[in-house]
Amino acid sequence: MRYTALLHSERIRAYPLRVANKKMVQADADRGIRIMGAIAADVRFFVTLQPRPAEPRAAIEDILSELDAAALRARSKADAHPLDRQAGQRALAIELLRHEYARPFNFVRCAETTLAMRARIAAARQAGIAEAA
């Protein structure tokens, strides 16, 4: 959870500088920050099972695209610096996150299903129906 929050805060800090230095256009910076914010919110939702805020949200296609680009950058850096263990761990973490999002029943859907099941059980208990577990 802290890692995706770190990736999001890095973008918030670094992207405005990249825009100012004309290495990135504002629309791409805004998109990257928004999508990584959505990823961080998804991971926080999965870990805590607390409801997700309405924003930020992103389409799965946008998330996969952002993670593909982030994984490519991270893997290139890790390959260029094979003794930098942190760079290798970062690349692996992003690659694993991308792999997890690509699964049809990914961690977000798993958390949504868990909350839905909890709500059904609570409603059944409240209605006086025997637990169906």
Foldseek 3Di string as FASTA:
>chain_A
DVLLVVVLVCLVPCVVVCCVVVVDPPVVSVLLNQLSVQLVQLVCCLVVVDDGDPPDHDDLVSNLVSLVVVLVVLVVVCVVPVVPVVSVVSSVVSVVSSVQSPDPCHSSVVSVVVVVLVVVQVVCVVVVHDGDD
